[in-house]
Protein backbone atom coordinates (compact mmCIF):
# COMPACT_ATOMS: atom_id res chain seq x y z
CA MET A 1 1.78 62.43 -3.33
CA TRP A 2 1.88 58.20 -2.86
CA LEU A 3 4.18 58.23 -0.19
CA ALA A 4 2.96 61.32 1.86
CA GLY A 5 -0.18 58.94 1.69
CA LEU A 6 1.45 55.87 2.65
CA ILE A 7 2.80 57.78 5.80
CA LEU A 8 -0.38 59.12 6.34
CA LEU A 9 -1.83 55.82 6.39
CA ALA A 10 0.68 54.39 8.39
CA ILE A 11 0.11 57.04 11.06
CA ALA A 12 -3.58 56.04 11.70
CA LEU A 13 -2.66 52.52 11.98
CA LEU A 14 0.02 53.39 14.17
CA GLY A 15 -2.52 55.16 16.20
CA ALA A 16 -4.67 52.25 16.26
CA GLY A 17 -2.00 49.85 17.15
CA ALA A 18 -1.19 52.08 19.79
CA TYR A 19 -4.90 51.94 21.09
CA ASP A 20 -4.42 48.08 21.22
CA ARG A 21 -0.79 48.01 23.22
CA PHE A 22 -1.04 51.11 25.28
CA GLY A 23 -4.81 52.60 25.03
CA ASN A 24 -5.25 53.01 28.89
CA TYR A 25 -2.14 54.73 29.79
CA LEU A 26 -2.55 57.17 26.33
CA LYS A 27 -6.21 57.84 26.89
CA GLU A 28 -4.98 59.52 30.65
CA HIS A 29 -2.76 61.56 28.45
CA LEU A 30 -5.16 62.36 25.27
CA SER A 31 -5.86 65.81 26.35
CA LEU A 32 -2.10 66.80 26.56
CA ILE A 33 -1.79 65.09 23.23
CA LEU A 34 -4.45 67.07 21.57
CA ALA A 35 -3.46 69.95 23.43
CA PHE A 36 -0.04 70.04 21.42
CA GLY A 37 -1.78 69.26 18.16
CA GLY A 38 -4.50 71.45 18.09
CA ALA A 39 -1.80 74.26 19.14
CA PHE A 40 0.20 73.58 16.09
CA LEU A 41 -2.76 73.41 14.43
CA ILE A 42 -3.97 77.24 15.34
CA GLY A 43 0.05 78.37 14.40
CA LEU A 44 -0.19 76.21 10.75
CA ILE A 45 -3.62 78.19 10.36
CA PHE A 46 -2.70 81.36 11.14
CA ASN A 47 1.13 81.65 10.14
CA HIS A 48 0.96 79.47 6.59
CA LEU A 49 -2.30 78.42 5.30
CA VAL A 50 -4.10 82.04 5.90
CA PRO A 51 -1.64 84.26 4.15
CA GLU A 52 -1.21 81.66 1.34
CA THR A 53 -4.71 80.97 0.90
CA TYR A 54 -5.50 84.55 1.02
CA ALA A 55 -3.11 85.50 -1.57
CA MET A 56 -4.46 83.29 -3.98
CA GLY A 57 -7.71 84.74 -4.40
CA SER A 58 -10.32 86.91 -3.29
CA ASN A 59 -13.66 85.95 -1.26
CA VAL A 60 -11.71 83.77 0.62
CA GLY A 61 -13.49 84.47 4.14
CA TRP A 62 -17.21 83.35 3.36
CA ILE A 63 -15.00 79.92 1.99
CA VAL A 64 -13.54 79.73 5.26
CA VAL A 65 -16.94 80.45 6.94
CA LEU A 66 -18.38 77.31 5.02
CA GLY A 67 -15.43 75.42 5.95
CA PHE A 68 -16.44 76.16 9.60
CA LEU A 69 -19.70 74.90 9.20
CA LEU A 70 -19.01 71.94 7.15
CA GLN A 71 -17.20 70.56 9.76
CA GLY A 72 -20.15 71.58 12.65
CA ILE A 73 -22.28 68.96 9.90
CA LEU A 74 -19.29 66.47 9.91
CA GLU A 75 -19.61 66.59 13.93
CA TYR A 76 -23.24 65.81 14.35
CA GLY A 77 -22.46 62.31 12.51
CA SER A 78 -19.23 61.85 13.81
CA GLN A 79 -20.06 62.79 17.27
CA GLY A 80 -16.50 64.93 17.80
CA ILE A 81 -14.02 62.26 17.05
CA GLU A 82 -12.26 64.53 15.44
CA HIS A 83 -10.89 66.49 18.37
CA GLY A 84 -11.15 63.71 21.25
CA HIS A 85 -14.19 63.20 22.46
CA LEU A 86 -14.43 59.85 24.11
CA HIS A 87 -17.84 58.27 24.50
CA HIS A 88 -18.66 55.72 26.59
CA HIS A 89 -20.96 52.16 24.87
CA GLU A 90 -21.53 49.34 26.40
CA HIS A 91 -21.11 45.74 24.63
CA THR A 92 -24.58 44.85 23.10
CA GLY A 93 -25.70 41.68 22.30
CA SER A 94 -25.25 42.53 18.20
CA ALA A 95 -22.21 45.22 17.84
CA ARG A 96 -23.36 47.57 15.09
CA MET A 97 -21.11 49.63 12.85
CA PRO A 98 -21.61 53.48 13.53
CA TRP A 99 -21.83 53.82 9.90
CA ALA A 100 -23.05 57.69 10.28
CA MET A 101 -19.60 58.27 12.62
CA PHE A 102 -17.51 56.28 10.54
CA ALA A 103 -18.86 58.13 7.27
CA SER A 104 -18.16 61.47 8.70
CA LEU A 105 -14.92 60.73 9.50
CA CYS A 106 -13.68 59.05 6.87
CA LEU A 107 -15.08 62.18 4.51
CA HIS A 108 -13.10 64.67 7.10
CA ALA A 109 -10.08 63.00 6.43
CA LEU A 110 -10.82 63.10 2.85
CA ILE A 111 -11.67 66.74 2.67
CA GLU A 112 -8.60 68.13 4.97
CA SER A 113 -5.66 66.52 2.84
CA MET A 114 -7.12 67.54 -0.52
CA PRO A 115 -4.53 70.49 -0.77
CA LEU A 116 -1.59 68.39 1.09
CA HIS A 117 -0.45 67.98 -2.75
CA GLY A 118 -0.13 71.07 -4.86
CA ASP A 119 0.72 70.65 -8.40
CA GLU A 120 4.89 70.85 -8.62
CA HIS A 121 4.51 72.60 -11.33
CA GLY A 122 2.77 75.85 -9.54
CA HIS A 123 -0.64 75.63 -10.60
CA GLY A 124 -2.41 76.30 -6.87
CA HIS A 125 0.81 76.97 -5.02
CA ASP A 126 2.99 80.09 -6.15
CA HIS A 127 6.29 78.78 -5.30
CA GLY A 128 7.80 81.83 -6.59
CA HIS A 129 6.81 83.66 -3.94
CA ASP A 130 8.58 80.99 -1.66
CA HIS A 131 5.49 81.01 0.57
CA HIS A 132 6.29 79.35 4.27
CA GLY A 133 6.41 76.06 4.45
CA HIS A 134 5.74 74.78 1.19
CA VAL A 135 8.29 72.29 -0.20
CA HIS A 136 11.05 74.07 1.44
CA LEU A 137 11.19 72.14 4.39
CA HIS A 138 13.36 69.38 2.32
CA GLY A 139 10.38 67.05 2.63
CA ILE A 140 8.55 65.22 -0.19
CA GLU A 141 8.37 66.84 -3.50
CA GLY A 142 5.07 68.60 -4.34
CA VAL A 143 3.76 68.47 -0.61
CA ASP A 144 3.43 70.89 2.01
CA MET A 145 5.38 69.55 4.66
CA ALA A 146 4.01 71.90 7.17
CA LEU A 147 0.54 70.79 6.53
CA MET A 148 1.79 67.27 6.31
CA ILE A 149 3.18 67.59 9.88
CA GLY A 150 -0.01 69.04 11.32
CA LEU A 151 -2.34 66.04 9.74
CA ILE A 152 0.33 63.78 11.68
CA LEU A 153 -0.52 65.28 14.86
CA HIS A 154 -4.05 65.35 13.80
CA LYS A 155 -4.56 61.92 12.91
CA PHE A 156 -2.88 60.03 15.29
CA PRO A 157 -5.12 60.91 17.96
CA VAL A 158 -8.06 60.86 15.84
CA ALA A 159 -7.07 56.82 15.11
CA LEU A 160 -6.61 56.25 18.59
CA VAL A 161 -10.35 57.32 19.95
CA LEU A 162 -11.70 55.71 16.63
CA MET A 163 -10.01 52.30 17.54
CA GLY A 164 -11.18 52.65 21.00
CA MET A 165 -14.68 53.64 20.09
CA LEU A 166 -15.01 50.80 17.61
CA ASP A 167 -13.69 48.16 20.36
CA ALA A 168 -15.88 49.70 22.89
CA LEU A 169 -18.94 49.37 20.92
CA GLY A 170 -17.92 45.60 20.34
CA ILE A 171 -17.07 45.48 16.79
CA LYS A 172 -15.04 42.23 15.66
CA ARG A 173 -10.79 42.80 15.73
CA ALA A 174 -10.58 42.08 12.26
CA HIS A 175 -13.70 44.69 11.28
CA ARG A 176 -11.61 47.28 13.35
CA TRP A 177 -8.70 46.83 11.68
CA LEU A 178 -10.48 46.64 8.28
CA ALA A 179 -12.13 50.04 9.49
CA MET A 180 -8.68 51.56 10.26
CA LEU A 181 -7.30 50.97 7.30
CA THR A 182 -10.05 52.20 5.15
CA PHE A 183 -9.86 55.45 7.06
CA GLY A 184 -6.23 55.85 6.79
CA LEU A 185 -6.81 55.48 2.67
CA MET A 186 -9.20 58.87 3.05
CA PRO A 187 -5.71 60.78 2.37
CA ILE A 188 -4.74 59.21 -0.72
CA ILE A 189 -7.83 59.60 -2.05
CA GLY A 190 -8.28 63.40 -1.06
CA MET A 191 -5.50 64.26 -2.88
CA LEU A 192 -6.10 62.04 -5.89
CA LEU A 193 -9.68 64.10 -6.21
CA TYR A 194 -8.03 67.40 -5.68
CA ASP A 195 -5.31 66.32 -8.54
CA VAL A 196 -8.38 65.56 -10.66
CA LEU A 197 -10.53 68.59 -9.81
CA LEU A 198 -7.24 70.82 -10.69
CA HIS A 199 -6.66 69.42 -14.29
CA SER A 200 -10.53 68.49 -14.91
CA GLY A 201 -10.08 71.28 -17.67
CA ALA A 202 -13.40 72.66 -16.43
CA ALA A 203 -14.01 76.74 -16.35
CA TRP A 204 -13.86 76.14 -11.85
CA SER A 205 -10.85 73.86 -12.05
CA ALA A 206 -8.43 77.40 -11.74
CA ASN A 207 -10.55 78.14 -8.39
CA VAL A 208 -10.14 74.38 -6.76
CA PRO A 209 -6.88 75.50 -4.35
CA VAL A 210 -9.02 78.41 -3.37
CA TRP A 211 -11.70 76.54 -2.19
CA SER A 212 -9.73 73.31 -1.15
CA GLY A 213 -7.73 75.73 0.97
CA GLY A 214 -10.62 78.27 2.47
CA ILE A 215 -12.69 74.60 3.44
CA LEU A 216 -9.68 73.37 4.92
CA ILE A 217 -8.81 76.80 6.96
CA GLY A 218 -12.18 76.45 8.64
CA ILE A 219 -12.33 73.05 9.49
CA LEU A 220 -8.68 73.17 11.02
CA LEU A 221 -10.02 76.42 12.83
CA HIS A 222 -13.37 74.44 13.92
CA ILE A 223 -11.45 71.75 15.46
CA SER A 224 -8.34 73.28 17.20
CA THR A 225 -10.38 75.56 18.74
CA THR A 226 -12.53 72.76 19.92
CA ILE A 227 -9.56 70.90 21.13
CA LEU A 228 -7.72 74.06 23.31
CA PHE A 229 -10.91 75.77 24.86
CA GLU A 230 -14.01 73.14 24.78
CA ALA A 231 -15.75 73.00 28.42
CA GLY A 232 -14.43 69.05 28.95
CA ASP A 233 -11.74 70.02 31.82
CA GLY A 234 -14.12 72.47 33.08
CA HIS A 235 -12.42 75.43 31.22
CA ARG A 236 -9.32 74.84 33.31
CA PHE A 237 -6.08 75.71 31.80
CA ASN A 238 -3.84 73.86 33.78
CA ARG A 239 0.30 73.73 33.68
CA ASN A 240 0.72 70.58 31.49
CA LYS A 241 -1.86 71.62 29.13
CA LEU A 242 -0.33 75.25 28.86
CA VAL A 243 3.17 73.82 28.30
CA ALA A 244 1.68 71.28 25.39
CA THR A 245 0.20 74.25 24.11
CA ILE A 246 3.08 76.58 23.73
CA ALA A 247 5.06 73.47 22.28
CA GLY A 248 2.60 72.87 19.82
CA LEU A 249 2.70 76.76 19.12
CA VAL A 250 6.66 77.13 18.84
CA LEU A 251 6.53 74.01 16.61
CA ALA A 252 4.49 75.61 14.05
CA VAL A 253 6.05 78.64 14.31
CA LEU A 254 9.26 77.15 13.53
CA THR A 255 8.09 74.94 10.91
CA THR A 256 6.30 77.61 8.80
CA GLY A 257 8.71 80.14 9.08
CA ILE A 258 11.40 78.29 7.42
């Protein structure tokens, strides 16, 4: 769990650093980066998260719907940064931290990482059935490596856009990096919260994997479909975006099919 959290923290800081170093170049190719990651998430959802979560309990469908709606609420505060929306802001005399946007992004990062670290003793995930992608990619013990790859591909462009947004708002450099550090720590906090809830001993604790999995599916479904099909490029599915999308889907199938 700790290693997975540190990797995702490093990815967030890497995305922030990439903006500082290659901001203009990466912004020009942001749509392709997002298309690749969004396609991977689509493949991850239907080839891994849906079958695994639906196998754990009934009434998952309406939990997925709640997750889908929750992401819509979070995007009201975050302004759509989760799927790469770039907003142009002019420097003002007194730069203010966009707390609503930042809080929404942090909550999003916390929730989506909760199911990342399942209980290696079998609680929450049935390893006996060898579900696709879970632990069997010879990665970090107890970590859903397919989901881990998906979060890495998702978190990098989000960190890139967030850093650019804070820079455009005139936030001081030290404060920008402190914000990125906080954002990067959300996955480990999410995994710790999941572990606490799962082992709380409460009557509802057995439902934590189903709820977290269903909410995650809804959130990622909202984000991935928005990335691939939103009207930002005039509904045109150009060749480069098609190639990036196919590559993301192929990687998802290879990853979750092991």
